[in-house]
Amino acid sequence: MLHAPCTVDLNKVMLIGRLTADPESRTTPQGTQVCTFSVATGFRWKDTNGQLQSKSEFHNVVAWRKLAEICGQYLRKAKKVYIEGRLQTRSWADPQGVKKYRTEIILDNMIMLDGKPEGGAPAEAPSTNPGNTIPTIEVPAEPAPDDNIKVEDIPF
């Protein structure tokens, strides 16, 4: 009896880090909201001489639709955030014809970790933990962009 090979794939990213700049929000020509931002994560360790070392990694994040709108409205530079999503690499040719690549995290979920935004929490801020001082935004995973949205349509 032969069994078909079983494969299990997992493409899941979970990070806690700080935004390196304010998010950039745009709308595709088809009217779909998209928001991009970068998150820095740090790692510290002691080397063999006992000296403290540190290294930062920078992650490109893309949010679509309602989650893009929320990120653009509530996230700000240097704020701590938990993000959850999947890795995706896209490619394009630059004006000289050189092929370029960019690996991004396509956002499925986001939780703000820095407490109330300056000036208090916005009245309309979605929250799954009312009464808690840390605003939390959890948006159900949205489907991938429609097939009719192409990389060329993204205005960045």
C-alpha atoms as a PDB file:
ATOM      1  CA  MET A   1       0.000   0.000   0.000  1.00  0.00           C
ATOM      2  CA  LEU A   2       1.473   3.312  -1.078  1.00  0.00           C
ATOM      3  CA  HIS A   3       0.774   6.513   0.813  1.00  0.00           C
ATOM      4  CA  ALA A   4       0.926   9.900  -0.782  1.00  0.00           C
ATOM      5  CA  PRO A   5       3.591  12.108   0.788  1.00  0.00           C
ATOM      6  CA  CYS A   6       2.178  14.484   3.359  1.00  0.00           C
ATOM      7  CA  THR A   7       3.495  18.010   3.475  1.00  0.00           C
ATOM      8  CA  VAL A   8       2.684  20.647   6.020  1.00  0.00           C
ATOM      9  CA  ASP A   9       3.631  24.240   5.319  1.00  0.00           C
ATOM     10  CA  LEU A  10       3.597  27.111   7.769  1.00  0.00           C
ATOM     11  CA  ASN A  11       4.198  30.750   6.897  1.00  0.00           C
ATOM     12  CA  LYS A  12       3.643  32.648  10.155  1.00  0.00           C
ATOM     13  CA  VAL A  13       5.481  35.657  11.562  1.00  0.00           C
ATOM     14  CA  MET A  14       5.006  37.082  15.066  1.00  0.00           C
ATOM     15  CA  LEU A  15       7.051  40.116  16.126  1.00  0.00           C
ATOM     16  CA  ILE A  16       7.195  42.650  18.915  1.00  0.00           C
ATOM     17  CA  GLY A  17       9.109  45.760  17.972  1.00  0.00           C
ATOM     18  CA  ARG A  18       8.990  49.493  17.431  1.00  0.00           C
ATOM     19  CA  LEU A  19       7.914  51.441  14.359  1.00  0.00           C
ATOM     20  CA  THR A  20      10.861  53.125  12.630  1.00  0.00           C
ATOM     21  CA  ALA A  21       8.655  55.865  11.104  1.00  0.00           C
ATOM     22  CA  ASP A  22       5.003  56.859  10.864  1.00  0.00           C
ATOM     23  CA  PRO A  23       3.032  54.485   8.612  1.00  0.00           C
ATOM     24  CA  GLU A  24       2.344  55.502   5.018  1.00  0.00           C
ATOM     25  CA  SER A  25      -1.249  55.010   3.847  1.00  0.00           C
ATOM     26  CA  ARG A  26      -2.341  54.909   0.211  1.00  0.00           C
ATOM     27  CA  THR A  27      -5.228  53.753  -1.912  1.00  0.00           C
ATOM     28  CA  THR A  28      -4.772  51.565  -4.993  1.00  0.00           C
ATOM     29  CA  PRO A  29      -6.360  52.703  -8.283  1.00  0.00           C
ATOM     30  CA  GLN A  30      -9.141  50.162  -7.539  1.00  0.00           C
ATOM     31  CA  GLY A  31      -9.866  51.897  -4.212  1.00  0.00           C
ATOM     32  CA  THR A  32      -8.262  49.350  -1.860  1.00  0.00           C
ATOM     33  CA  GLN A  33      -6.611  50.844   1.244  1.00  0.00           C
ATOM     34  CA  VAL A  34      -2.962  49.819   1.833  1.00  0.00           C
ATOM     35  CA  CYS A  35      -0.618  50.886   4.647  1.00  0.00           C
ATOM     36  CA  THR A  36       3.128  50.236   4.858  1.00  0.00           C
ATOM     37  CA  PHE A  37       5.514  50.646   7.762  1.00  0.00           C
ATOM     38  CA  SER A  38       8.739  49.243   9.156  1.00  0.00           C
ATOM     39  CA  VAL A  39       9.260  47.583  12.537  1.00  0.00           C
ATOM     40  CA  ALA A  40      12.647  47.235  14.238  1.00  0.00           C
ATOM     41  CA  THR A  41      13.385  44.331  16.556  1.00  0.00           C
ATOM     42  CA  GLY A  42      16.462  44.137  18.745  1.00  0.00           C
ATOM     43  CA  PHE A  43      18.583  41.338  20.146  1.00  0.00           C
ATOM     44  CA  ARG A  44      21.158  41.672  22.947  1.00  0.00           C
ATOM     45  CA  TRP A  45      23.780  39.218  24.163  1.00  0.00           C
ATOM     46  CA  LYS A  46      27.124  39.058  25.912  1.00  0.00           C
ATOM     47  CA  ASP A  47      30.070  38.063  23.774  1.00  0.00           C
ATOM     48  CA  THR A  48      32.856  35.713  24.896  1.00  0.00           C
ATOM     49  CA  ASN A  49      34.615  38.683  26.574  1.00  0.00           C
ATOM     50  CA  GLY A  50      31.504  39.557  28.588  1.00  0.00           C
ATOM     51  CA  GLN A  51      30.809  42.692  26.546  1.00  0.00           C
ATOM     52  CA  LEU A  52      27.186  43.523  25.855  1.00  0.00           C
ATOM     53  CA  GLN A  53      26.415  43.360  22.128  1.00  0.00           C
ATOM     54  CA  SER A  54      23.245  44.302  20.280  1.00  0.00           C
ATOM     55  CA  LYS A  55      21.822  43.950  16.797  1.00  0.00           C
ATOM     56  CA  SER A  56      18.664  45.289  15.189  1.00  0.00           C
ATOM     57  CA  GLU A  57      16.630  43.787  12.368  1.00  0.00           C
ATOM     58  CA  PHE A  58      14.220  45.826  10.264  1.00  0.00           C
ATOM     59  CA  HIS A  59      11.010  44.315   8.919  1.00  0.00           C
ATOM     60  CA  ASN A  60       8.795  45.737   6.149  1.00  0.00           C
ATOM     61  CA  VAL A  61       5.079  45.396   6.921  1.00  0.00           C
ATOM     62  CA  VAL A  62       2.071  45.760   4.600  1.00  0.00           C
ATOM     63  CA  ALA A  63      -1.541  45.971   5.807  1.00  0.00           C
ATOM     64  CA  TRP A  64      -4.582  45.877   3.525  1.00  0.00           C
ATOM     65  CA  ARG A  65      -8.186  47.121   3.719  1.00  0.00           C
ATOM     66  CA  LYS A  66      -9.663  47.840   7.191  1.00  0.00           C
ATOM     67  CA  LEU A  67      -6.475  46.822   8.991  1.00  0.00           C
ATOM     68  CA  ALA A  68      -4.553  49.287   6.792  1.00  0.00           C
ATOM     69  CA  GLU A  69      -6.956  52.044   7.793  1.00  0.00           C
ATOM     70  CA  ILE A  70      -6.537  51.227  11.504  1.00  0.00           C
ATOM     71  CA  CYS A  71      -2.723  51.089  11.271  1.00  0.00           C
ATOM     72  CA  GLY A  72      -2.556  54.416   9.456  1.00  0.00           C
ATOM     73  CA  GLN A  73      -4.822  56.037  12.019  1.00  0.00           C
ATOM     74  CA  TYR A  74      -3.341  54.738  15.297  1.00  0.00           C
ATOM     75  CA  LEU A  75       0.298  53.692  14.796  1.00  0.00           C
ATOM     76  CA  ARG A  76       3.135  56.200  15.149  1.00  0.00           C
ATOM     77  CA  LYS A  77       6.931  56.226  14.990  1.00  0.00           C
ATOM     78  CA  ALA A  78       8.727  54.627  17.990  1.00  0.00           C
ATOM     79  CA  LYS A  79       5.542  52.998  19.347  1.00  0.00           C
ATOM     80  CA  LYS A  80       5.791  49.366  20.408  1.00  0.00           C
ATOM     81  CA  VAL A  81       3.571  46.950  18.507  1.00  0.00           C
ATOM     82  CA  TYR A  82       2.861  43.230  18.224  1.00  0.00           C
ATOM     83  CA  ILE A  83       2.331  42.126  14.654  1.00  0.00           C
ATOM     84  CA  GLU A  84       1.300  38.819  13.185  1.00  0.00           C
ATOM     85  CA  GLY A  85       1.253  37.856   9.534  1.00  0.00           C
ATOM     86  CA  ARG A  86       2.928  35.924   6.747  1.00  0.00           C
ATOM     87  CA  LEU A  87       6.072  36.477   4.681  1.00  0.00           C
ATOM     88  CA  GLN A  88       5.784  37.389   1.033  1.00  0.00           C
ATOM     89  CA  THR A  89       8.530  38.325  -1.428  1.00  0.00           C
ATOM     90  CA  ARG A  90       7.788  40.384  -4.505  1.00  0.00           C
ATOM     91  CA  SER A  91      10.072  41.325  -7.367  1.00  0.00           C
ATOM     92  CA  TRP A  92      10.213  44.039 -10.015  1.00  0.00           C
ATOM     93  CA  ALA A  93      12.672  45.507 -12.483  1.00  0.00           C
ATOM     94  CA  ASP A  94      14.123  48.939 -11.713  1.00  0.00           C
ATOM     95  CA  PRO A  95      14.396  51.588 -14.485  1.00  0.00           C
ATOM     96  CA  GLN A  96      17.771  50.123 -15.538  1.00  0.00           C
ATOM     97  CA  GLY A  97      16.220  46.652 -15.856  1.00  0.00           C
ATOM     98  CA  VAL A  98      17.873  45.235 -12.722  1.00  0.00           C
ATOM     99  CA  LYS A  99      15.615  42.776 -10.897  1.00  0.00           C
ATOM    100  CA  LYS A 100      14.890  43.858  -7.300  1.00  0.00           C
ATOM    101  CA  TYR A 101      13.346  41.872  -4.456  1.00  0.00           C
ATOM    102  CA  ARG A 102      11.556  42.897  -1.275  1.00  0.00           C
ATOM    103  CA  THR A 103      10.389  40.562   1.481  1.00  0.00           C
ATOM    104  CA  GLU A 104       7.438  41.887   3.463  1.00  0.00           C
ATOM    105  CA  ILE A 105       5.180  40.776   6.272  1.00  0.00           C
ATOM    106  CA  ILE A 106       1.561  40.789   5.108  1.00  0.00           C
ATOM    107  CA  LEU A 107      -0.271  41.792   8.274  1.00  0.00           C
ATOM    108  CA  ASP A 108      -3.081  39.622   9.687  1.00  0.00           C
ATOM    109  CA  ASN A 109      -3.249  40.996  13.244  1.00  0.00           C
ATOM    110  CA  MET A 110      -1.841  43.922  15.215  1.00  0.00           C
ATOM    111  CA  ILE A 111      -1.851  44.894  18.899  1.00  0.00           C
ATOM    112  CA  MET A 112      -0.585  48.266  20.123  1.00  0.00           C
ATOM    113  CA  LEU A 113       1.578  47.751  23.221  1.00  0.00           C
ATOM    114  CA  ASP A 114       2.500  51.293  24.309  1.00  0.00           C
ATOM    115  CA  GLY A 115      -0.580  52.339  26.255  1.00  0.00           C
ATOM    116  CA  LYS A 116      -2.833  55.248  25.354  1.00  0.00           C
ATOM    117  CA  PRO A 117      -1.882  57.395  22.377  1.00  0.00           C
ATOM    118  CA  GLU A 118      -0.944  60.983  23.163  1.00  0.00           C
ATOM    119  CA  GLY A 119      -4.030  62.968  24.097  1.00  0.00           C
ATOM    120  CA  GLY A 120      -5.899  59.901  25.337  1.00  0.00           C
ATOM    121  CA  ALA A 121      -7.444  57.006  23.483  1.00  0.00           C
ATOM    122  CA  PRO A 122      -9.486  57.960  20.434  1.00  0.00           C
ATOM    123  CA  ALA A 123     -13.218  57.559  20.999  1.00  0.00           C
ATOM    124  CA  GLU A 124     -13.589  55.213  18.041  1.00  0.00           C
ATOM    125  CA  ALA A 125     -10.495  53.078  18.667  1.00  0.00           C
ATOM    126  CA  PRO A 126     -11.396  49.392  18.377  1.00  0.00           C
ATOM    127  CA  SER A 127     -10.520  47.495  21.529  1.00  0.00           C
ATOM    128  CA  THR A 128     -10.944  43.955  22.742  1.00  0.00           C
ATOM    129  CA  ASN A 129      -9.901  44.806  26.294  1.00  0.00           C
ATOM    130  CA  PRO A 130     -12.138  47.693  27.475  1.00  0.00           C
ATOM    131  CA  GLY A 131     -10.993  49.247  30.738  1.00  0.00           C
ATOM    132  CA  ASN A 132      -7.399  48.209  30.152  1.00  0.00           C
ATOM    133  CA  THR A 133      -4.943  51.066  29.676  1.00  0.00           C
ATOM    134  CA  ILE A 134      -3.354  49.384  26.656  1.00  0.00           C
ATOM    135  CA  PRO A 135      -5.438  49.853  23.490  1.00  0.00           C
ATOM    136  CA  THR A 136      -5.659  46.585  21.601  1.00  0.00           C
ATOM    137  CA  ILE A 137      -6.631  46.198  18.009  1.00  0.00           C
ATOM    138  CA  GLU A 138      -7.331  42.708  16.784  1.00  0.00           C
ATOM    139  CA  VAL A 139      -8.767  42.463  13.322  1.00  0.00           C
ATOM    140  CA  PRO A 140      -9.745  39.108  11.844  1.00  0.00           C
ATOM    141  CA  ALA A 141      -7.406  37.960   9.127  1.00  0.00           C
ATOM    142  CA  GLU A 142      -8.456  39.408   5.812  1.00  0.00           C
ATOM    143  CA  PRO A 143      -8.164  37.492   2.592  1.00  0.00           C
ATOM    144  CA  ALA A 144      -5.232  38.215   0.342  1.00  0.00           C
ATOM    145  CA  PRO A 145      -5.776  41.101  -2.042  1.00  0.00           C
ATOM    146  CA  ASP A 146      -8.033  40.338  -4.988  1.00  0.00           C
ATOM    147  CA  ASP A 147      -6.399  38.768  -7.995  1.00  0.00           C
ATOM    148  CA  ASN A 148      -7.126  41.950  -9.910  1.00  0.00           C
ATOM    149  CA  ILE A 149      -4.705  43.911  -7.682  1.00  0.00           C
ATOM    150  CA  LYS A 150      -1.255  43.655  -9.186  1.00  0.00           C
ATOM    151  CA  VAL A 151       2.091  44.807  -7.827  1.00  0.00           C
ATOM    152  CA  GLU A 152       2.141  47.460 -10.559  1.00  0.00           C
ATOM    153  CA  ASP A 153      -1.093  48.908  -9.083  1.00  0.00           C
ATOM    154  CA  ILE A 154       0.484  49.552  -5.679  1.00  0.00           C
ATOM    155  CA  PRO A 155       1.444  53.245  -5.607  1.00  0.00           C
ATOM    156  CA  PHE A 156       4.835  52.801  -3.906  1.00  0.00           C
END
